Amino acid sequence: MDLRFRRPYVQFIVMKNQVFLLSAILVLWITLSALVYNEKCCTSQKIPIKTTNTKRAYFHGIVLQDSDKLNLKLRDNFIFYKATSGYLLPLSDSLKQLVQTTADYLKENPNKKLKIICRYSPKENTKLNNSDYGLLRSKEIEKIFLSKGVPAKQLITKSLKDTLLPIINNRIFGGFIPLIVNE
């Protein structure tokens, strides 16, 4: 058999094997480079990612603490009607118990005062100044404590603007914040 005819065929096979070998080396090189880069780059140096949270987690309940004597935590709160000082009745049993316990504590500690802060939202567009709603709501809760026998000199009413106050179906949730303060 003549080698002239086999030589191009052998050269083609050798060239085909070289292309395959070079391709395999190139794939191996890229893979190893990526692994080394990932190991060097991404594990030793953390890139800070800035996130902005536009929504605030809202706690609707009440936390009322004063030293070791008073420690009340309640998931419930007064539910006020939008653009009024009225609140939803009847009050829950847990809210009634909180009011009674706080009233008893204040009567036993005449040097303590209860700061009654009620929130209002600028979204409550009405004839009155919106801040008046916070104060009117505080006055309504003050009446409850007065009816429980707490002296008026121990009660302070305040108003607080809250742009993220949850208003659902014309009801305001979490509008009451109580604080015990010393004289």
C-alpha atoms as a PDB file:
ATOM      1  CA  MET A   1       0.000   0.000   0.000  1.00  0.00           C
ATOM      2  CA  ASP A   2       1.204   3.441  -0.821  1.00  0.00           C
ATOM      3  CA  LEU A   3       1.834   5.848   2.131  1.00  0.00           C
ATOM      4  CA  ARG A   4       0.991   8.863   0.006  1.00  0.00           C
ATOM      5  CA  PHE A   5      -2.677   8.068   0.369  1.00  0.00           C
ATOM      6  CA  ARG A   6      -2.524   7.416   4.108  1.00  0.00           C
ATOM      7  CA  ARG A   7      -0.562  10.493   5.054  1.00  0.00           C
ATOM      8  CA  PRO A   8      -3.393  13.084   4.627  1.00  0.00           C
ATOM      9  CA  TYR A   9      -5.727  10.795   6.523  1.00  0.00           C
ATOM     10  CA  VAL A  10      -3.194  10.365   9.370  1.00  0.00           C
ATOM     11  CA  GLN A  11      -2.521  14.088   9.412  1.00  0.00           C
ATOM     12  CA  PHE A  12      -6.263  14.761   9.645  1.00  0.00           C
ATOM     13  CA  ILE A  13      -6.586  12.381  12.607  1.00  0.00           C
ATOM     14  CA  VAL A  14      -3.578  13.932  14.357  1.00  0.00           C
ATOM     15  CA  MET A  15      -4.916  17.439  13.690  1.00  0.00           C
ATOM     16  CA  LYS A  16      -8.375  16.440  14.968  1.00  0.00           C
ATOM     17  CA  ASN A  17      -6.810  15.070  18.175  1.00  0.00           C
ATOM     18  CA  GLN A  18      -4.796  18.268  18.617  1.00  0.00           C
ATOM     19  CA  VAL A  19      -7.964  20.425  18.305  1.00  0.00           C
ATOM     20  CA  PHE A  20      -9.712  18.242  20.856  1.00  0.00           C
ATOM     21  CA  LEU A  21      -6.700  18.385  23.179  1.00  0.00           C
ATOM     22  CA  LEU A  22      -6.427  22.175  22.853  1.00  0.00           C
ATOM     23  CA  SER A  23     -10.178  22.562  23.459  1.00  0.00           C
ATOM     24  CA  ALA A  24      -9.975  20.388  26.571  1.00  0.00           C
ATOM     25  CA  ILE A  25      -7.008  22.418  27.878  1.00  0.00           C
ATOM     26  CA  LEU A  26      -8.887  25.681  27.210  1.00  0.00           C
ATOM     27  CA  VAL A  27     -12.020  24.480  29.076  1.00  0.00           C
ATOM     28  CA  LEU A  28      -9.882  23.253  31.981  1.00  0.00           C
ATOM     29  CA  TRP A  29      -8.015  26.593  32.076  1.00  0.00           C
ATOM     30  CA  ILE A  30     -11.256  28.623  32.164  1.00  0.00           C
ATOM     31  CA  THR A  31     -12.783  26.413  34.863  1.00  0.00           C
ATOM     32  CA  LEU A  32      -9.718  26.555  37.101  1.00  0.00           C
ATOM     33  CA  SER A  33      -9.384  30.317  36.594  1.00  0.00           C
ATOM     34  CA  ALA A  34     -12.995  30.832  37.614  1.00  0.00           C
ATOM     35  CA  LEU A  35     -12.568  28.674  40.724  1.00  0.00           C
ATOM     36  CA  VAL A  36      -9.353  30.424  41.776  1.00  0.00           C
ATOM     37  CA  TYR A  37     -10.896  33.854  41.139  1.00  0.00           C
ATOM     38  CA  ASN A  38     -13.982  32.940  43.146  1.00  0.00           C
ATOM     39  CA  GLU A  39     -11.862  31.608  46.006  1.00  0.00           C
ATOM     40  CA  LYS A  40      -9.572  34.655  46.112  1.00  0.00           C
ATOM     41  CA  CYS A  41     -12.136  37.321  45.388  1.00  0.00           C
ATOM     42  CA  CYS A  42     -15.381  36.413  46.972  1.00  0.00           C
ATOM     43  CA  THR A  43     -14.503  34.686  50.237  1.00  0.00           C
ATOM     44  CA  SER A  44     -11.923  37.088  51.617  1.00  0.00           C
ATOM     45  CA  GLN A  45     -13.669  40.319  50.774  1.00  0.00           C
ATOM     46  CA  LYS A  46     -17.347  40.972  51.324  1.00  0.00           C
ATOM     47  CA  ILE A  47     -18.968  43.632  49.209  1.00  0.00           C
ATOM     48  CA  PRO A  48     -21.463  45.621  51.277  1.00  0.00           C
ATOM     49  CA  ILE A  49     -24.938  45.768  49.829  1.00  0.00           C
ATOM     50  CA  LYS A  50     -27.027  48.734  50.843  1.00  0.00           C
ATOM     51  CA  THR A  51     -30.683  47.964  51.323  1.00  0.00           C
ATOM     52  CA  THR A  52     -33.362  50.428  52.176  1.00  0.00           C
ATOM     53  CA  ASN A  53     -36.408  49.398  54.095  1.00  0.00           C
ATOM     54  CA  THR A  54     -39.222  51.785  53.297  1.00  0.00           C
ATOM     55  CA  LYS A  55     -41.768  50.003  55.457  1.00  0.00           C
ATOM     56  CA  ARG A  56     -41.448  50.016  59.204  1.00  0.00           C
ATOM     57  CA  ALA A  57     -42.520  46.997  61.162  1.00  0.00           C
ATOM     58  CA  TYR A  58     -45.442  48.256  63.201  1.00  0.00           C
ATOM     59  CA  PHE A  59     -46.176  47.026  66.695  1.00  0.00           C
ATOM     60  CA  HIS A  60     -49.815  47.654  67.569  1.00  0.00           C
ATOM     61  CA  GLY A  61     -49.602  46.513  71.162  1.00  0.00           C
ATOM     62  CA  ILE A  62     -48.777  48.189  74.446  1.00  0.00           C
ATOM     63  CA  VAL A  63     -45.648  47.836  76.564  1.00  0.00           C
ATOM     64  CA  LEU A  64     -45.784  49.529  79.945  1.00  0.00           C
ATOM     65  CA  GLN A  65     -42.854  49.118  82.332  1.00  0.00           C
ATOM     66  CA  ASP A  66     -41.635  50.817  85.478  1.00  0.00           C
ATOM     67  CA  SER A  67     -38.823  49.178  87.455  1.00  0.00           C
ATOM     68  CA  ASP A  68     -39.706  45.747  88.853  1.00  0.00           C
ATOM     69  CA  LYS A  69     -43.181  46.656  90.044  1.00  0.00           C
ATOM     70  CA  LEU A  70     -44.934  47.134  86.713  1.00  0.00           C
ATOM     71  CA  ASN A  71     -44.212  45.143  83.573  1.00  0.00           C
ATOM     72  CA  LEU A  72     -47.161  44.895  81.199  1.00  0.00           C
ATOM     73  CA  LYS A  73     -47.009  43.687  77.615  1.00  0.00           C
ATOM     74  CA  LEU A  74     -50.114  43.459  75.522  1.00  0.00           C
ATOM     75  CA  ARG A  75     -50.637  42.728  71.850  1.00  0.00           C
ATOM     76  CA  ASP A  76     -53.925  44.641  71.946  1.00  0.00           C
ATOM     77  CA  ASN A  77     -54.463  48.412  71.750  1.00  0.00           C
ATOM     78  CA  PHE A  78     -57.229  50.967  71.428  1.00  0.00           C
ATOM     79  CA  ILE A  79     -58.628  51.155  67.910  1.00  0.00           C
ATOM     80  CA  PHE A  80     -59.623  54.717  67.056  1.00  0.00           C
ATOM     81  CA  TYR A  81     -61.895  55.828  64.280  1.00  0.00           C
ATOM     82  CA  LYS A  82     -60.244  57.992  61.629  1.00  0.00           C
ATOM     83  CA  ALA A  83     -60.723  61.751  62.053  1.00  0.00           C
ATOM     84  CA  THR A  84     -62.481  61.372  65.419  1.00  0.00           C
ATOM     85  CA  SER A  85     -61.524  60.870  69.033  1.00  0.00           C
ATOM     86  CA  GLY A  86     -63.874  57.900  69.350  1.00  0.00           C
ATOM     87  CA  TYR A  87     -62.585  54.379  69.832  1.00  0.00           C
ATOM     88  CA  LEU A  88     -63.974  50.952  69.123  1.00  0.00           C
ATOM     89  CA  LEU A  89     -66.115  49.448  71.871  1.00  0.00           C
ATOM     90  CA  PRO A  90     -66.327  47.133  73.684  1.00  0.00           C
ATOM     91  CA  LEU A  91     -62.742  47.026  74.914  1.00  0.00           C
ATOM     92  CA  SER A  92     -61.140  43.609  74.999  1.00  0.00           C
ATOM     93  CA  ASP A  93     -60.756  41.878  78.366  1.00  0.00           C
ATOM     94  CA  SER A  94     -56.962  42.107  78.137  1.00  0.00           C
ATOM     95  CA  LEU A  95     -57.143  45.858  77.499  1.00  0.00           C
ATOM     96  CA  LYS A  96     -59.555  46.321  80.414  1.00  0.00           C
ATOM     97  CA  GLN A  97     -57.154  44.369  82.635  1.00  0.00           C
ATOM     98  CA  LEU A  98     -54.220  46.555  81.521  1.00  0.00           C
ATOM     99  CA  VAL A  99     -56.153  49.714  82.333  1.00  0.00           C
ATOM    100  CA  GLN A 100     -57.188  48.369  85.759  1.00  0.00           C
ATOM    101  CA  THR A 101     -53.660  47.187  86.641  1.00  0.00           C
ATOM    102  CA  THR A 102     -52.169  50.519  85.559  1.00  0.00           C
ATOM    103  CA  ALA A 103     -54.809  52.449  87.526  1.00  0.00           C
ATOM    104  CA  ASP A 104     -54.111  50.381  90.669  1.00  0.00           C
ATOM    105  CA  TYR A 105     -50.372  50.940  90.241  1.00  0.00           C
ATOM    106  CA  LEU A 106     -50.824  54.707  89.919  1.00  0.00           C
ATOM    107  CA  LYS A 107     -53.062  54.860  92.997  1.00  0.00           C
ATOM    108  CA  GLU A 108     -50.425  52.943  95.008  1.00  0.00           C
ATOM    109  CA  ASN A 109     -47.619  55.213  93.724  1.00  0.00           C
ATOM    110  CA  PRO A 110     -48.779  58.832  93.931  1.00  0.00           C
ATOM    111  CA  ASN A 111     -45.327  60.081  92.877  1.00  0.00           C
ATOM    112  CA  LYS A 112     -45.692  58.393  89.467  1.00  0.00           C
ATOM    113  CA  LYS A 113     -47.500  59.860  86.479  1.00  0.00           C
ATOM    114  CA  LEU A 114     -48.932  58.268  83.367  1.00  0.00           C
ATOM    115  CA  LYS A 115     -48.116  60.034  80.122  1.00  0.00           C
ATOM    116  CA  ILE A 116     -50.923  59.220  77.691  1.00  0.00           C
ATOM    117  CA  ILE A 117     -49.668  59.743  74.152  1.00  0.00           C
ATOM    118  CA  CYS A 118     -52.029  59.239  71.237  1.00  0.00           C
ATOM    119  CA  ARG A 119     -50.903  59.311  67.653  1.00  0.00           C
ATOM    120  CA  TYR A 120     -52.472  61.047  64.714  1.00  0.00           C
ATOM    121  CA  SER A 121     -51.818  60.815  60.995  1.00  0.00           C
ATOM    122  CA  PRO A 122     -51.462  63.711  58.571  1.00  0.00           C
ATOM    123  CA  LYS A 123     -53.712  61.646  56.271  1.00  0.00           C
ATOM    124  CA  GLU A 124     -56.715  62.476  58.467  1.00  0.00           C
ATOM    125  CA  ASN A 125     -57.870  65.428  56.374  1.00  0.00           C
ATOM    126  CA  THR A 126     -60.729  67.163  58.125  1.00  0.00           C
ATOM    127  CA  LYS A 127     -61.837  70.563  59.421  1.00  0.00           C
ATOM    128  CA  LEU A 128     -59.758  70.264  62.605  1.00  0.00           C
ATOM    129  CA  ASN A 129     -56.000  70.501  62.846  1.00  0.00           C
ATOM    130  CA  ASN A 130     -54.772  66.899  62.735  1.00  0.00           C
ATOM    131  CA  SER A 131     -52.708  67.295  65.910  1.00  0.00           C
ATOM    132  CA  ASP A 132     -55.944  68.014  67.766  1.00  0.00           C
ATOM    133  CA  TYR A 133     -57.063  64.434  67.070  1.00  0.00           C
ATOM    134  CA  GLY A 134     -54.086  63.020  68.925  1.00  0.00           C
ATOM    135  CA  LEU A 135     -54.844  65.240  71.921  1.00  0.00           C
ATOM    136  CA  LEU A 136     -58.589  64.498  71.821  1.00  0.00           C
ATOM    137  CA  ARG A 137     -57.822  60.760  71.780  1.00  0.00           C
ATOM    138  CA  SER A 138     -55.516  61.220  74.764  1.00  0.00           C
ATOM    139  CA  LYS A 139     -58.307  63.001  76.613  1.00  0.00           C
ATOM    140  CA  GLU A 140     -60.690  60.108  75.905  1.00  0.00           C
ATOM    141  CA  ILE A 141     -58.262  57.606  77.422  1.00  0.00           C
ATOM    142  CA  GLU A 142     -57.661  59.990  80.327  1.00  0.00           C
ATOM    143  CA  LYS A 143     -61.411  59.801  81.084  1.00  0.00           C
ATOM    144  CA  ILE A 144     -61.115  56.010  81.408  1.00  0.00           C
ATOM    145  CA  PHE A 145     -58.338  56.327  83.997  1.00  0.00           C
ATOM    146  CA  LEU A 146     -60.238  59.066  85.858  1.00  0.00           C
ATOM    147  CA  SER A 147     -63.253  56.753  86.059  1.00  0.00           C
ATOM    148  CA  LYS A 148     -60.957  54.129  87.678  1.00  0.00           C
ATOM    149  CA  GLY A 149     -60.085  56.578  90.464  1.00  0.00           C
ATOM    150  CA  VAL A 150     -56.697  57.828  89.230  1.00  0.00           C
ATOM    151  CA  PRO A 151     -56.171  61.482  90.269  1.00  0.00           C
ATOM    152  CA  ALA A 152     -56.029  63.954  87.363  1.00  0.00           C
ATOM    153  CA  LYS A 153     -52.657  65.283  88.577  1.00  0.00           C
ATOM    154  CA  GLN A 154     -51.128  61.882  87.729  1.00  0.00           C
ATOM    155  CA  LEU A 155     -52.268  61.961  84.105  1.00  0.00           C
ATOM    156  CA  ILE A 156     -50.511  63.827  81.286  1.00  0.00           C
ATOM    157  CA  THR A 157     -52.031  63.936  77.793  1.00  0.00           C
ATOM    158  CA  LYS A 158     -49.922  64.378  74.660  1.00  0.00           C
ATOM    159  CA  SER A 159     -50.237  64.122  70.907  1.00  0.00           C
ATOM    160  CA  LEU A 160     -47.744  62.576  68.463  1.00  0.00           C
ATOM    161  CA  LYS A 161     -47.583  62.826  64.674  1.00  0.00           C
ATOM    162  CA  ASP A 162     -46.972  59.495  62.938  1.00  0.00           C
ATOM    163  CA  THR A 163     -46.816  59.450  59.135  1.00  0.00           C
ATOM    164  CA  LEU A 164     -46.840  55.625  58.999  1.00  0.00           C
ATOM    165  CA  LEU A 165     -49.748  55.116  61.356  1.00  0.00           C
ATOM    166  CA  PRO A 166     -51.790  52.221  59.964  1.00  0.00           C
ATOM    167  CA  ILE A 167     -55.274  53.263  58.881  1.00  0.00           C
ATOM    168  CA  ILE A 168     -57.422  50.388  57.660  1.00  0.00           C
ATOM    169  CA  ASN A 169     -61.138  50.736  56.888  1.00  0.00           C
ATOM    170  CA  ASN A 170     -61.211  54.184  58.561  1.00  0.00           C
ATOM    171  CA  ARG A 171     -59.777  52.722  61.764  1.00  0.00           C
ATOM    172  CA  ILE A 172     -56.456  53.632  63.337  1.00  0.00           C
ATOM    173  CA  PHE A 173     -54.500  50.783  64.906  1.00  0.00           C
ATOM    174  CA  GLY A 174     -51.872  51.212  67.601  1.00  0.00           C
ATOM    175  CA  GLY A 175     -52.686  54.820  68.362  1.00  0.00           C
ATOM    176  CA  PHE A 176     -52.105  54.709  72.156  1.00  0.00           C
ATOM    177  CA  ILE A 177     -48.667  54.818  73.808  1.00  0.00           C
ATOM    178  CA  PRO A 178     -48.566  54.829  77.617  1.00  0.00           C
ATOM    179  CA  LEU A 179     -45.450  55.866  79.582  1.00  0.00           C
ATOM    180  CA  ILE A 180     -44.837  55.919  83.330  1.00  0.00           C
ATOM    181  CA  VAL A 181     -42.809  58.939  84.430  1.00  0.00           C
ATOM    182  CA  ASN A 182     -41.611  60.239  87.780  1.00  0.00           C
ATOM    183  CA  GLU A 183     -42.805  63.582  89.102  1.00  0.00           C
END
